Protein backbone atom coordinates (compact mmCIF):
# COMPACT_ATOMS: atom_id res chain seq x y z
CA THR A 1 -10.93 -4.55 5.04
CA ALA A 2 -8.15 -2.62 3.88
CA VAL A 3 -4.33 -2.87 2.51
CA ILE A 4 -2.44 0.09 3.63
CA ASN A 5 0.88 0.72 2.12
CA PHE A 6 3.50 3.20 3.17
CA TRP A 7 5.78 4.21 0.35
CA TYR A 8 7.86 7.06 -1.03
CA PRO A 9 8.97 7.59 -4.50
CA SER A 10 12.67 7.05 -4.25
CA CYS A 11 12.48 3.84 -2.48
CA PRO A 12 13.58 1.24 -4.91
CA PRO A 13 11.37 -1.75 -3.16
CA CYS A 14 8.47 0.79 -2.96
CA ARG A 15 8.68 1.47 -6.74
CA ALA A 16 9.30 -2.02 -7.65
CA GLU A 17 6.20 -3.43 -5.75
CA MET A 18 3.53 -0.96 -7.18
CA PRO A 19 2.82 -2.50 -10.06
CA ALA A 20 1.86 -5.65 -8.01
CA PHE A 21 -0.30 -3.70 -5.94
CA GLN A 22 -2.41 -2.63 -8.96
CA SER A 23 -2.69 -5.98 -10.41
CA ALA A 24 -3.45 -7.36 -7.23
CA TRP A 25 -6.23 -4.60 -6.60
CA ARG A 26 -7.59 -5.25 -9.98
CA GLU A 27 -7.58 -8.97 -9.51
CA LEU A 28 -9.57 -8.83 -6.28
CA GLN A 29 -11.88 -6.16 -7.47
CA SER A 30 -12.81 -8.47 -10.62
CA ASP A 31 -13.57 -11.14 -7.92
CA GLY A 32 -15.91 -8.74 -6.26
CA THR A 33 -13.97 -8.53 -3.27
CA ASN A 34 -14.46 -5.14 -1.56
CA GLU A 35 -11.07 -4.63 -0.50
CA ARG A 36 -9.78 -0.99 -0.16
CA PHE A 37 -6.21 -0.41 -1.28
CA LEU A 38 -4.48 2.84 -0.03
CA GLY A 39 -1.10 4.05 -0.94
CA ILE A 40 0.37 6.57 1.90
CA PHE A 41 2.98 8.55 0.64
CA VAL A 42 5.50 9.71 3.28
CA PRO A 43 7.84 12.48 2.43
CA GLN A 44 11.37 11.40 2.70
CA GLY A 45 14.54 13.26 1.61
CA PHE A 46 13.88 15.31 -1.54
CA ASP A 47 10.77 13.58 -2.71
CA SER A 48 7.93 15.91 -3.07
CA GLU A 49 4.25 15.24 -3.27
CA GLN A 50 4.48 16.31 -6.72
CA ASP A 51 7.08 13.59 -7.26
CA ALA A 52 4.60 10.86 -5.85
CA ARG A 53 1.87 12.21 -7.99
CA ASP A 54 3.98 12.01 -11.06
CA PHE A 55 4.99 8.56 -10.16
CA VAL A 56 1.57 7.42 -9.59
CA ASP A 57 0.52 8.89 -12.86
CA ILE A 58 3.38 7.40 -14.96
CA LEU A 59 2.41 3.93 -13.67
CA GLY A 60 -1.15 4.31 -14.31
CA LEU A 61 -1.94 3.45 -10.82
CA THR A 62 -5.84 3.75 -10.06
CA TYR A 63 -6.22 2.60 -6.41
CA ALA A 64 -6.29 5.44 -3.54
CA PHE A 65 -3.36 7.33 -2.61
CA ALA A 66 -2.93 9.89 0.11
CA THR A 67 -0.09 12.03 1.50
CA ASP A 68 1.11 11.87 5.28
CA LEU A 69 2.69 15.24 5.15
CA ASP A 70 3.32 15.49 9.08
CA ALA A 71 4.02 11.65 9.28
CA GLN A 72 1.13 11.37 12.04
CA VAL A 73 -0.35 8.23 10.49
CA THR A 74 3.17 6.71 9.84
CA ARG A 75 3.90 7.33 13.34
CA ALA A 76 0.78 5.89 14.70
CA PHE A 77 1.29 2.81 12.70
CA GLU A 78 5.00 2.58 14.04
CA VAL A 79 6.10 2.54 10.35
CA MET A 80 10.19 2.29 10.70
CA ALA A 81 10.98 0.83 7.27
CA PHE A 82 9.82 1.29 3.57
CA PRO A 83 7.81 -0.19 2.10
CA THR A 84 5.60 -1.47 5.08
CA THR A 85 2.04 -2.83 4.08
CA PHE A 86 -0.78 -3.41 6.72
CA PHE A 87 -3.75 -5.74 6.19
CA ILE A 88 -6.69 -4.55 8.22
CA ASP A 89 -9.44 -6.93 8.82
CA GLY A 90 -13.15 -6.09 9.05
CA GLU A 91 -12.76 -5.18 12.66
CA GLY A 92 -10.34 -2.65 12.14
CA GLU A 93 -7.58 -4.66 13.49
CA ILE A 94 -4.16 -5.46 12.30
CA PHE A 95 -4.32 -9.02 10.35
CA ARG A 96 -0.73 -8.73 9.17
CA ARG A 97 2.06 -6.35 8.74
CA HIS A 98 4.70 -6.94 6.19
CA ILE A 99 7.86 -4.98 5.82
CA SER A 100 9.43 -5.01 2.29
CA ALA A 101 8.28 -5.42 -0.94
CA LEU A 102 5.31 -7.86 -1.96
CA ASP A 103 4.35 -9.68 -5.09
CA GLU A 104 1.13 -9.76 -6.45
CA GLY A 105 0.69 -13.38 -5.40
CA GLU A 106 1.39 -12.54 -1.94
CA ILE A 107 -0.90 -9.62 -1.66
CA VAL A 108 -3.93 -11.54 -3.10
CA ARG A 109 -3.19 -14.64 -0.69
CA VAL A 110 -3.08 -12.49 2.28
CA VAL A 111 -6.29 -10.74 1.59
CA ARG A 112 -7.96 -13.99 0.61
CA GLU A 113 -6.49 -15.57 3.86
CA MET A 114 -7.98 -12.29 5.75
CA ALA A 115 -11.44 -12.66 4.30
CA GLN A 116 -11.70 -16.44 5.68
CA SER A 117 -10.62 -15.58 9.04
């Protein structure tokens, strides 16, 4: 199972939710959940890949990150707004799609709900 978050550094709601993803990821890891978190940086406007890396470093984020330079993954997931988060179940199906910022409790709740389904 996986949580995939599409974001970019100058997006205020993206910036606001990143600490929640870090906290949720740590909580789920400490519970023994084998949930994978992936933050996908999608270049927008003046944001560079280095800006994204700097932002991740400044916040001390430790879950996985990748860059979608050509926005191929973004298009495949039909992302139209940022941030957008996908919760992917064990069968590789989209369990839930959420557009807008999430807080730690919401992230953990959806992951646990997904694990029970």
